[in-house]
């Protein structure tokens, strides 16, 4: 291809990379998500929300939002499984199963309209779906955003306040 050059990885001059880091103790990036985190019933899981941890936040970060989406779902249109926000940045993590009513953060509606974590449940026989677990750091104080924001409404509310984001991807099939 004329005019194309290979992308070279950025060098850090021997220094450790900096910037927001997101991990899940349930799976490695691009690894398989354990069945417990899938939906209940025919989905084969226990609907236990994924653990997620964040570090190296931007200095002005006051809160984070956590989003879980399946870009392969709904015939490629995407499915929102978890919308959590108003989370104090210094918490550093949400533990497995912590997405419960009465949690000290706010949840928005998932694909089914429930303000809850919705475990993975791709169609039987599909190739593994790619579940993207994203953390967005913002300069908004915990509690600044109203309850009930959908994924799209949350992203709109974070415009001008987002300081950075990072994701890990897990695979799930049945």
N, C-alpha and C. Protein backbone atom coordinates (compact mmCIF):
# COMPACT_ATOMS: atom_id res chain seq x y z
N UNK A 1 0.84 -1.18 0.00
CA UNK A 1 0.00 0.00 0.00
C UNK A 1 0.89 1.24 0.00
N UNK A 2 0.70 2.05 -0.98
CA UNK A 2 1.51 3.26 -1.09
C UNK A 2 1.16 4.22 0.04
N UNK A 3 2.17 4.84 0.60
CA UNK A 3 1.96 5.86 1.62
C UNK A 3 1.73 5.32 3.02
N UNK A 4 1.69 4.00 3.19
CA UNK A 4 1.46 3.43 4.52
C UNK A 4 2.79 3.06 5.14
N UNK A 5 2.92 3.32 6.40
CA UNK A 5 4.12 2.91 7.13
C UNK A 5 3.70 2.11 8.33
N UNK A 6 4.56 1.24 8.76
CA UNK A 6 4.26 0.42 9.94
C UNK A 6 4.26 1.31 11.18
N UNK A 7 3.31 1.07 12.05
CA UNK A 7 3.27 1.81 13.31
C UNK A 7 4.32 1.22 14.24
N UNK A 8 5.08 2.07 14.86
CA UNK A 8 6.10 1.65 15.80
C UNK A 8 5.61 1.92 17.21
N UNK A 9 5.87 1.00 18.15
CA UNK A 9 5.45 1.26 19.52
C UNK A 9 6.20 2.46 20.10
N UNK A 10 5.51 3.21 20.91
CA UNK A 10 6.14 4.36 21.57
C UNK A 10 7.18 3.85 22.56
N UNK A 11 8.26 4.57 22.67
CA UNK A 11 9.27 4.20 23.65
C UNK A 11 9.14 5.10 24.86
N UNK A 12 9.55 4.60 25.99
CA UNK A 12 9.44 5.37 27.23
C UNK A 12 10.81 5.72 27.78
N UNK A 13 11.86 5.53 26.97
CA UNK A 13 13.20 5.88 27.42
C UNK A 13 13.62 5.11 28.66
N UNK A 14 13.16 3.86 28.78
CA UNK A 14 13.53 3.05 29.93
C UNK A 14 12.65 3.26 31.14
N UNK A 15 11.71 4.21 31.07
CA UNK A 15 10.81 4.46 32.19
C UNK A 15 9.57 3.58 32.06
N UNK A 16 8.95 3.29 33.17
CA UNK A 16 7.72 2.51 33.15
C UNK A 16 6.61 3.34 32.50
N UNK A 17 5.71 2.69 31.74
CA UNK A 17 4.60 3.42 31.14
C UNK A 17 3.73 4.06 32.23
N UNK A 18 3.16 5.20 31.92
CA UNK A 18 2.27 5.87 32.87
C UNK A 18 0.88 5.91 32.28
N UNK A 19 -0.07 6.34 33.06
CA UNK A 19 -1.44 6.46 32.60
C UNK A 19 -2.35 5.47 33.30
N UNK A 20 -3.62 5.72 33.14
CA UNK A 20 -4.66 4.91 33.76
C UNK A 20 -4.48 3.44 33.42
N UNK A 21 -4.59 2.60 34.43
CA UNK A 21 -4.49 1.15 34.24
C UNK A 21 -5.75 0.51 34.79
N UNK A 22 -6.33 -0.41 34.01
CA UNK A 22 -7.54 -1.12 34.40
C UNK A 22 -7.27 -2.62 34.32
N UNK A 23 -7.67 -3.34 35.36
CA UNK A 23 -7.52 -4.79 35.37
C UNK A 23 -8.76 -5.43 36.00
N UNK A 24 -8.90 -6.72 35.75
CA UNK A 24 -9.91 -7.52 36.43
C UNK A 24 -9.22 -8.77 36.94
N UNK A 25 -9.45 -9.10 38.20
CA UNK A 25 -8.85 -10.32 38.75
C UNK A 25 -9.56 -11.57 38.23
N UNK A 26 -10.67 -11.40 37.52
CA UNK A 26 -11.42 -12.54 36.98
C UNK A 26 -10.85 -13.05 35.66
N UNK A 27 -10.17 -12.18 34.90
CA UNK A 27 -9.66 -12.59 33.59
C UNK A 27 -8.53 -11.67 33.17
N UNK A 28 -7.63 -12.19 32.36
CA UNK A 28 -6.57 -11.38 31.77
C UNK A 28 -7.14 -10.66 30.55
N UNK A 29 -6.54 -9.57 30.15
CA UNK A 29 -6.98 -8.87 28.95
C UNK A 29 -6.99 -9.85 27.78
N UNK A 30 -8.11 -9.92 27.09
CA UNK A 30 -8.36 -10.84 25.98
C UNK A 30 -8.47 -12.29 26.43
N UNK A 31 -8.67 -12.50 27.73
CA UNK A 31 -8.85 -13.85 28.27
C UNK A 31 -10.32 -14.21 28.38
N UNK A 32 -10.58 -15.41 28.84
CA UNK A 32 -11.94 -15.92 28.97
C UNK A 32 -12.52 -15.51 30.33
N UNK A 33 -13.73 -14.98 30.31
CA UNK A 33 -14.43 -14.59 31.53
C UNK A 33 -15.05 -15.84 32.15
N UNK A 34 -14.83 -16.09 33.44
CA UNK A 34 -15.42 -17.27 34.10
C UNK A 34 -16.95 -17.24 34.07
N UNK A 35 -17.54 -18.43 34.01
CA UNK A 35 -18.99 -18.58 33.87
C UNK A 35 -19.78 -17.91 35.00
N UNK A 36 -19.23 -17.83 36.22
CA UNK A 36 -19.97 -17.21 37.32
C UNK A 36 -20.46 -15.80 36.98
N UNK A 37 -19.76 -15.12 36.10
CA UNK A 37 -20.11 -13.74 35.76
C UNK A 37 -21.14 -13.65 34.65
N UNK A 38 -21.51 -14.80 34.08
CA UNK A 38 -22.56 -14.84 33.07
C UNK A 38 -23.93 -14.73 33.71
N UNK A 39 -24.92 -14.55 32.87
CA UNK A 39 -26.29 -14.45 33.36
C UNK A 39 -26.76 -15.77 33.95
N UNK A 40 -27.82 -15.72 34.74
CA UNK A 40 -28.37 -16.91 35.39
C UNK A 40 -29.24 -17.70 34.41
N UNK A 41 -29.70 -18.84 34.86
CA UNK A 41 -30.59 -19.68 34.05
C UNK A 41 -29.87 -20.28 32.86
N UNK A 42 -30.48 -20.17 31.70
CA UNK A 42 -29.92 -20.75 30.48
C UNK A 42 -28.59 -20.13 30.09
N UNK A 43 -28.23 -19.01 30.66
CA UNK A 43 -26.97 -18.35 30.32
C UNK A 43 -25.78 -19.03 30.99
N UNK A 44 -26.02 -19.89 31.97
CA UNK A 44 -24.98 -20.71 32.56
C UNK A 44 -24.19 -20.08 33.69
N UNK A 45 -24.58 -18.91 34.15
CA UNK A 45 -23.80 -18.24 35.18
C UNK A 45 -24.56 -17.96 36.45
N UNK A 46 -23.96 -17.14 37.30
CA UNK A 46 -24.55 -16.77 38.59
C UNK A 46 -24.80 -15.26 38.69
N UNK A 47 -24.56 -14.54 37.60
CA UNK A 47 -24.79 -13.10 37.53
C UNK A 47 -23.98 -12.33 38.59
N UNK A 48 -22.76 -12.77 38.85
CA UNK A 48 -21.87 -12.10 39.79
C UNK A 48 -21.13 -11.00 39.03
N UNK A 49 -21.30 -9.76 39.46
CA UNK A 49 -20.64 -8.66 38.75
C UNK A 49 -19.13 -8.85 38.74
N UNK A 50 -18.52 -8.41 37.66
CA UNK A 50 -17.08 -8.55 37.49
C UNK A 50 -16.30 -7.67 38.46
N UNK A 51 -15.19 -8.18 38.97
CA UNK A 51 -14.30 -7.31 39.74
C UNK A 51 -13.51 -6.44 38.76
N UNK A 52 -13.28 -5.21 39.15
CA UNK A 52 -12.49 -4.29 38.31
C UNK A 52 -11.66 -3.40 39.23
N UNK A 53 -10.42 -3.18 38.84
CA UNK A 53 -9.52 -2.33 39.62
C UNK A 53 -8.91 -1.29 38.70
N UNK A 54 -8.62 -0.11 39.26
CA UNK A 54 -8.01 0.95 38.48
C UNK A 54 -6.89 1.59 39.30
N UNK A 55 -5.89 2.07 38.59
CA UNK A 55 -4.76 2.74 39.23
C UNK A 55 -4.19 3.77 38.26
N UNK A 56 -3.27 4.57 38.76
CA UNK A 56 -2.62 5.62 37.95
C UNK A 56 -3.63 6.58 37.35
N UNK A 57 -4.60 6.99 38.14
CA UNK A 57 -5.60 7.94 37.66
C UNK A 57 -4.98 9.31 37.43
N UNK A 58 -5.57 10.10 36.52
CA UNK A 58 -5.11 11.48 36.38
C UNK A 58 -5.24 12.22 37.72
N UNK A 59 -4.37 13.16 37.96
CA UNK A 59 -4.29 13.85 39.25
C UNK A 59 -5.60 14.50 39.68
N UNK A 60 -6.38 15.01 38.75
CA UNK A 60 -7.62 15.71 39.11
C UNK A 60 -8.84 14.81 39.18
N UNK A 61 -8.64 13.50 39.06
CA UNK A 61 -9.78 12.56 39.09
C UNK A 61 -10.41 12.53 40.47
N UNK A 62 -11.73 12.70 40.49
CA UNK A 62 -12.49 12.62 41.74
C UNK A 62 -13.40 11.39 41.75
N UNK A 63 -13.85 10.99 40.57
CA UNK A 63 -14.75 9.83 40.49
C UNK A 63 -14.46 9.06 39.21
N UNK A 64 -14.98 7.84 39.19
CA UNK A 64 -14.88 7.01 37.98
C UNK A 64 -16.25 6.45 37.65
N UNK A 65 -16.39 6.06 36.40
CA UNK A 65 -17.54 5.31 35.92
C UNK A 65 -17.02 3.98 35.40
N UNK A 66 -17.81 2.94 35.56
CA UNK A 66 -17.47 1.61 35.06
C UNK A 66 -18.57 1.18 34.11
N UNK A 67 -18.17 0.76 32.93
CA UNK A 67 -19.12 0.32 31.90
C UNK A 67 -18.73 -1.06 31.42
N UNK A 68 -19.72 -1.93 31.23
CA UNK A 68 -19.50 -3.23 30.62
C UNK A 68 -20.41 -3.33 29.42
N UNK A 69 -19.81 -3.53 28.26
CA UNK A 69 -20.61 -3.63 27.05
C UNK A 69 -20.13 -4.77 26.18
N UNK A 70 -21.02 -5.23 25.33
CA UNK A 70 -20.76 -6.30 24.37
C UNK A 70 -20.97 -5.73 22.98
N UNK A 71 -19.90 -5.29 22.31
CA UNK A 71 -20.06 -4.71 20.98
C UNK A 71 -20.53 -5.71 19.94
N UNK A 72 -20.41 -7.01 20.22
CA UNK A 72 -20.85 -8.04 19.28
C UNK A 72 -22.34 -8.33 19.41
N UNK A 73 -22.94 -7.96 20.53
CA UNK A 73 -24.34 -8.26 20.80
C UNK A 73 -25.29 -7.48 19.92
N UNK A 74 -26.54 -7.92 19.92
CA UNK A 74 -27.61 -7.28 19.13
C UNK A 74 -27.19 -7.14 17.67
N UNK A 75 -26.67 -8.24 17.13
CA UNK A 75 -26.26 -8.29 15.72
C UNK A 75 -25.25 -7.20 15.38
N UNK A 76 -24.33 -6.93 16.31
CA UNK A 76 -23.28 -5.95 16.07
C UNK A 76 -23.61 -4.54 16.49
N UNK A 77 -24.82 -4.30 16.99
CA UNK A 77 -25.20 -2.96 17.43
C UNK A 77 -24.76 -2.68 18.86
N UNK A 78 -24.41 -3.73 19.59
CA UNK A 78 -23.91 -3.57 20.95
C UNK A 78 -24.98 -3.70 22.01
N UNK A 79 -24.55 -4.17 23.17
CA UNK A 79 -25.42 -4.37 24.32
C UNK A 79 -24.72 -3.82 25.56
N UNK A 80 -25.45 -3.04 26.35
CA UNK A 80 -24.92 -2.50 27.60
C UNK A 80 -25.31 -3.43 28.75
N UNK A 81 -24.31 -3.98 29.44
CA UNK A 81 -24.55 -4.92 30.53
C UNK A 81 -24.44 -4.28 31.91
N UNK A 82 -23.68 -3.19 32.02
CA UNK A 82 -23.47 -2.60 33.35
C UNK A 82 -23.08 -1.14 33.18
N UNK A 83 -23.76 -0.29 33.92
CA UNK A 83 -23.47 1.14 33.97
C UNK A 83 -23.37 1.50 35.45
N UNK A 84 -22.17 1.83 35.89
CA UNK A 84 -21.95 2.20 37.30
C UNK A 84 -21.15 3.50 37.33
N UNK A 85 -21.56 4.43 38.18
CA UNK A 85 -20.89 5.73 38.22
C UNK A 85 -21.04 6.36 39.60
N UNK A 86 -20.53 7.59 39.73
CA UNK A 86 -20.47 8.25 41.05
C UNK A 86 -19.63 7.42 42.02
N UNK A 87 -18.60 6.78 41.49
CA UNK A 87 -17.71 5.93 42.29
C UNK A 87 -16.50 6.77 42.70
N UNK A 88 -16.22 6.85 43.98
CA UNK A 88 -15.05 7.61 44.45
C UNK A 88 -13.78 7.06 43.82
N UNK A 89 -13.01 7.94 43.21
CA UNK A 89 -11.80 7.53 42.50
C UNK A 89 -10.83 6.79 43.40
N UNK A 90 -10.71 7.23 44.65
CA UNK A 90 -9.71 6.64 45.54
C UNK A 90 -10.07 5.22 45.99
N UNK A 91 -11.28 4.77 45.71
CA UNK A 91 -11.66 3.38 46.03
C UNK A 91 -10.72 2.39 45.38
N UNK A 92 -10.38 2.64 44.14
CA UNK A 92 -9.43 1.80 43.43
C UNK A 92 -9.97 0.50 42.88
N UNK A 93 -11.18 0.12 43.28
CA UNK A 93 -11.72 -1.14 42.77
C UNK A 93 -13.19 -1.31 43.12
N UNK A 94 -13.83 -2.19 42.38
CA UNK A 94 -15.12 -2.77 42.76
C UNK A 94 -14.87 -4.27 42.83
N UNK A 95 -15.30 -4.90 43.89
CA UNK A 95 -15.08 -6.33 44.06
C UNK A 95 -16.15 -7.13 43.32
N UNK A 96 -15.85 -8.39 43.06
CA UNK A 96 -16.82 -9.29 42.43
C UNK A 96 -18.10 -9.32 43.26
N UNK A 97 -19.23 -9.19 42.60
CA UNK A 97 -20.51 -9.24 43.27
C UNK A 97 -20.93 -7.98 43.99
N UNK A 98 -20.14 -6.92 43.86
CA UNK A 98 -20.43 -5.69 44.60
C UNK A 98 -21.55 -4.86 43.99
N UNK A 99 -21.94 -5.15 42.78
CA UNK A 99 -23.01 -4.39 42.12
C UNK A 99 -24.36 -4.87 42.64
N UNK A 100 -24.71 -4.41 43.82
CA UNK A 100 -25.95 -4.79 44.49
C UNK A 100 -26.72 -3.54 44.88
N UNK A 101 -28.04 -3.66 45.02
CA UNK A 101 -28.80 -2.51 45.52
C UNK A 101 -28.23 -2.05 46.86
N UNK A 102 -28.16 -0.74 47.04
CA UNK A 102 -27.62 -0.17 48.27
C UNK A 102 -26.13 0.05 48.23
N UNK A 103 -25.49 -0.25 47.10
CA UNK A 103 -24.05 -0.01 46.98
C UNK A 103 -23.79 1.49 47.09
N UNK A 104 -22.56 1.86 47.44
CA UNK A 104 -22.23 3.27 47.61
C UNK A 104 -21.83 3.94 46.30
N UNK A 105 -22.47 3.53 45.23
CA UNK A 105 -22.32 4.16 43.92
C UNK A 105 -23.65 4.03 43.20
N UNK A 106 -23.76 4.66 42.06
CA UNK A 106 -25.01 4.71 41.31
C UNK A 106 -24.94 3.77 40.12
N UNK A 107 -26.03 3.09 39.83
CA UNK A 107 -26.09 2.25 38.64
C UNK A 107 -27.18 2.77 37.71
N UNK A 108 -26.89 2.69 36.42
CA UNK A 108 -27.86 3.06 35.40
C UNK A 108 -28.44 1.81 34.76
N UNK A 109 -29.41 1.98 33.88
CA UNK A 109 -30.08 0.82 33.29
C UNK A 109 -29.19 0.04 32.32
N UNK A 110 -29.36 -1.28 32.36
CA UNK A 110 -28.69 -2.15 31.40
C UNK A 110 -29.61 -2.37 30.19
N UNK A 111 -29.26 -3.27 29.32
CA UNK A 111 -30.02 -3.52 28.10
C UNK A 111 -31.48 -3.89 28.39
N UNK A 112 -31.74 -4.50 29.53
CA UNK A 112 -33.10 -4.90 29.88
C UNK A 112 -33.86 -3.79 30.62
N UNK A 113 -33.19 -2.66 30.86
CA UNK A 113 -33.83 -1.54 31.55
C UNK A 113 -33.71 -1.60 33.06
N UNK A 114 -33.07 -2.63 33.59
CA UNK A 114 -32.90 -2.75 35.04
C UNK A 114 -31.63 -2.03 35.48
N UNK A 115 -31.68 -1.35 36.61
CA UNK A 115 -30.49 -0.69 37.15
C UNK A 115 -29.71 -1.72 37.95
N UNK A 116 -29.00 -2.56 37.21
CA UNK A 116 -28.28 -3.69 37.80
C UNK A 116 -27.22 -4.18 36.83
N UNK A 117 -26.31 -4.98 37.35
CA UNK A 117 -25.37 -5.72 36.51
C UNK A 117 -26.16 -6.81 35.79
N UNK A 118 -25.90 -6.99 34.51
CA UNK A 118 -26.53 -8.07 33.74
C UNK A 118 -25.43 -8.95 33.18
N UNK A 119 -25.36 -10.17 33.66
CA UNK A 119 -24.33 -11.10 33.23
C UNK A 119 -24.39 -11.41 31.74
N UNK A 120 -23.27 -11.89 31.23
CA UNK A 120 -23.15 -12.20 29.81
C UNK A 120 -24.10 -13.33 29.43
N UNK A 121 -24.64 -13.24 28.20
CA UNK A 121 -25.55 -14.28 27.71
C UNK A 121 -25.63 -14.23 26.19
N UNK A 122 -24.50 -14.46 25.52
CA UNK A 122 -24.55 -14.45 24.06
C UNK A 122 -25.33 -15.66 23.54
N UNK A 123 -25.83 -15.60 22.33
CA UNK A 123 -26.56 -16.74 21.77
C UNK A 123 -25.69 -18.01 21.75
N UNK A 124 -26.32 -19.14 22.01
CA UNK A 124 -25.63 -20.42 21.95
C UNK A 124 -25.08 -20.62 20.54
N UNK A 125 -23.82 -21.02 20.47
CA UNK A 125 -23.20 -21.31 19.18
C UNK A 125 -22.51 -20.13 18.52
N UNK A 126 -22.72 -18.92 19.03
CA UNK A 126 -22.01 -17.75 18.49
C UNK A 126 -20.52 -17.89 18.78
N UNK A 127 -19.71 -17.25 17.97
CA UNK A 127 -18.30 -17.10 18.30
C UNK A 127 -18.24 -16.36 19.64
N UNK A 128 -17.17 -16.51 20.41
CA UNK A 128 -17.09 -15.78 21.67
C UNK A 128 -17.30 -14.27 21.46
N UNK A 129 -18.12 -13.69 22.32
CA UNK A 129 -18.34 -12.25 22.27
C UNK A 129 -17.24 -11.56 23.06
N UNK A 130 -16.93 -10.33 22.66
CA UNK A 130 -15.89 -9.51 23.29
C UNK A 130 -16.57 -8.54 24.26
N UNK A 131 -16.37 -8.75 25.54
CA UNK A 131 -16.97 -7.90 26.56
C UNK A 131 -15.94 -6.87 27.00
N UNK A 132 -16.29 -5.60 26.83
CA UNK A 132 -15.37 -4.51 27.12
C UNK A 132 -15.72 -3.90 28.48
N UNK A 133 -14.78 -3.99 29.40
CA UNK A 133 -14.93 -3.44 30.75
C UNK A 133 -14.10 -2.17 30.80
N UNK A 134 -14.78 -1.03 30.88
CA UNK A 134 -14.14 0.28 30.75
C UNK A 134 -14.26 1.08 32.04
N UNK A 135 -13.19 1.77 32.39
CA UNK A 135 -13.21 2.72 33.50
C UNK A 135 -12.91 4.10 32.92
N UNK A 136 -13.76 5.07 33.24
CA UNK A 136 -13.57 6.45 32.81
C UNK A 136 -13.38 7.31 34.06
N UNK A 137 -12.26 8.00 34.13
CA UNK A 137 -11.98 8.91 35.25
C UNK A 137 -12.55 10.29 34.92
N UNK A 138 -13.11 10.95 35.92
CA UNK A 138 -13.66 12.29 35.69
C UNK A 138 -13.32 13.23 36.84
N UNK A 139 -13.51 14.53 36.56
CA UNK A 139 -13.28 15.54 37.59
C UNK A 139 -14.53 15.83 38.41
N UNK A 140 -15.59 15.06 38.20
CA UNK A 140 -16.83 15.24 38.95
C UNK A 140 -16.74 14.55 40.31
N UNK A 141 -17.26 15.18 41.32
CA UNK A 141 -17.28 14.58 42.65
C UNK A 141 -18.25 13.40 42.66
N UNK A 142 -17.97 12.37 43.47
CA UNK A 142 -18.93 11.27 43.61
C UNK A 142 -20.28 11.83 44.04
N UNK A 143 -21.33 11.37 43.41
CA UNK A 143 -22.67 11.85 43.73
C UNK A 143 -23.12 13.03 42.89
N UNK A 144 -22.25 13.56 42.03
CA UNK A 144 -22.60 14.74 41.23
C UNK A 144 -23.60 14.43 40.12
N UNK A 145 -23.62 13.19 39.66
CA UNK A 145 -24.51 12.83 38.56
C UNK A 145 -25.80 12.22 39.09
N UNK A 146 -26.93 12.50 38.42
CA UNK A 146 -28.22 11.97 38.89
C UNK A 146 -28.34 10.47 38.66
N UNK A 147 -29.21 9.85 39.41
CA UNK A 147 -29.48 8.42 39.24
C UNK A 147 -30.18 8.17 37.91
N UNK A 148 -30.06 6.94 37.42
CA UNK A 148 -30.83 6.51 36.27
C UNK A 148 -30.26 6.82 34.91
N UNK A 149 -28.99 7.25 34.83
CA UNK A 149 -28.42 7.57 33.52
C UNK A 149 -28.11 6.29 32.74
N UNK A 150 -28.58 6.24 31.50
CA UNK A 150 -28.22 5.14 30.61
C UNK A 150 -26.76 5.32 30.20
N UNK A 151 -26.21 4.33 29.53
CA UNK A 151 -24.82 4.42 29.06
C UNK A 151 -24.63 5.67 28.22
N UNK A 152 -25.52 5.87 27.24
CA UNK A 152 -25.38 7.03 26.35
C UNK A 152 -25.54 8.35 27.11
N UNK A 153 -26.50 8.41 28.04
CA UNK A 153 -26.70 9.64 28.82
C UNK A 153 -25.50 9.90 29.73
N UNK A 154 -24.92 8.84 30.29
CA UNK A 154 -23.73 9.00 31.13
C UNK A 154 -22.57 9.54 30.31
N UNK A 155 -22.33 8.96 29.16
CA UNK A 155 -21.23 9.44 28.31
C UNK A 155 -21.43 10.90 27.93
N UNK A 156 -22.68 11.29 27.65
CA UNK A 156 -22.96 12.69 27.33
C UNK A 156 -22.68 13.58 28.54
N UNK A 157 -23.07 13.13 29.74
CA UNK A 157 -22.84 13.92 30.96
C UNK A 157 -21.36 14.05 31.29
N UNK A 158 -20.56 13.09 30.85
CA UNK A 158 -19.12 13.12 31.14
C UNK A 158 -18.33 13.99 30.15
N UNK A 159 -18.97 14.41 29.06
CA UNK A 159 -18.26 15.28 28.10
C UNK A 159 -17.81 16.54 28.81
N UNK A 160 -16.54 16.88 28.64
CA UNK A 160 -15.97 18.03 29.30
C UNK A 160 -15.48 17.73 30.71
N UNK A 161 -15.79 16.54 31.21
CA UNK A 161 -15.37 16.15 32.56
C UNK A 161 -14.48 14.91 32.57
N UNK A 162 -14.52 14.14 31.49
CA UNK A 162 -13.70 12.92 31.41
C UNK A 162 -12.23 13.30 31.33
N UNK A 163 -11.42 12.62 32.11
CA UNK A 163 -9.98 12.89 32.15
C UNK A 163 -9.17 11.77 31.51
N UNK A 164 -9.81 10.66 31.24
CA UNK A 164 -9.14 9.52 30.62
C UNK A 164 -9.92 8.26 30.87
N UNK A 165 -9.68 7.29 30.03
CA UNK A 165 -10.36 6.01 30.16
C UNK A 165 -9.47 4.89 29.67
N UNK A 166 -9.78 3.69 30.12
CA UNK A 166 -9.04 2.51 29.71
C UNK A 166 -9.95 1.30 29.86
N UNK A 167 -9.69 0.28 29.06
CA UNK A 167 -10.54 -0.91 29.05
C UNK A 167 -9.71 -2.19 29.08
N UNK A 168 -10.36 -3.25 29.52
CA UNK A 168 -9.88 -4.61 29.33
C UNK A 168 -11.00 -5.36 28.63
N UNK A 169 -10.63 -6.35 27.84
CA UNK A 169 -11.61 -7.11 27.07
C UNK A 169 -11.55 -8.56 27.50
N UNK A 170 -12.73 -9.13 27.74
CA UNK A 170 -12.84 -10.54 28.07
C UNK A 170 -13.76 -11.23 27.08
N UNK A 171 -13.54 -12.52 26.90
CA UNK A 171 -14.33 -13.31 25.96
C UNK A 171 -15.29 -14.22 26.72
N UNK A 172 -16.49 -14.39 26.16
CA UNK A 172 -17.47 -15.26 26.78
C UNK A 172 -18.32 -15.87 25.68
N UNK A 173 -18.58 -17.17 25.81
CA UNK A 173 -19.46 -17.86 24.87
C UNK A 173 -20.18 -18.97 25.61
N UNK A 174 -21.18 -19.52 24.96
CA UNK A 174 -21.88 -20.66 25.54
C UNK A 174 -22.36 -21.58 24.43
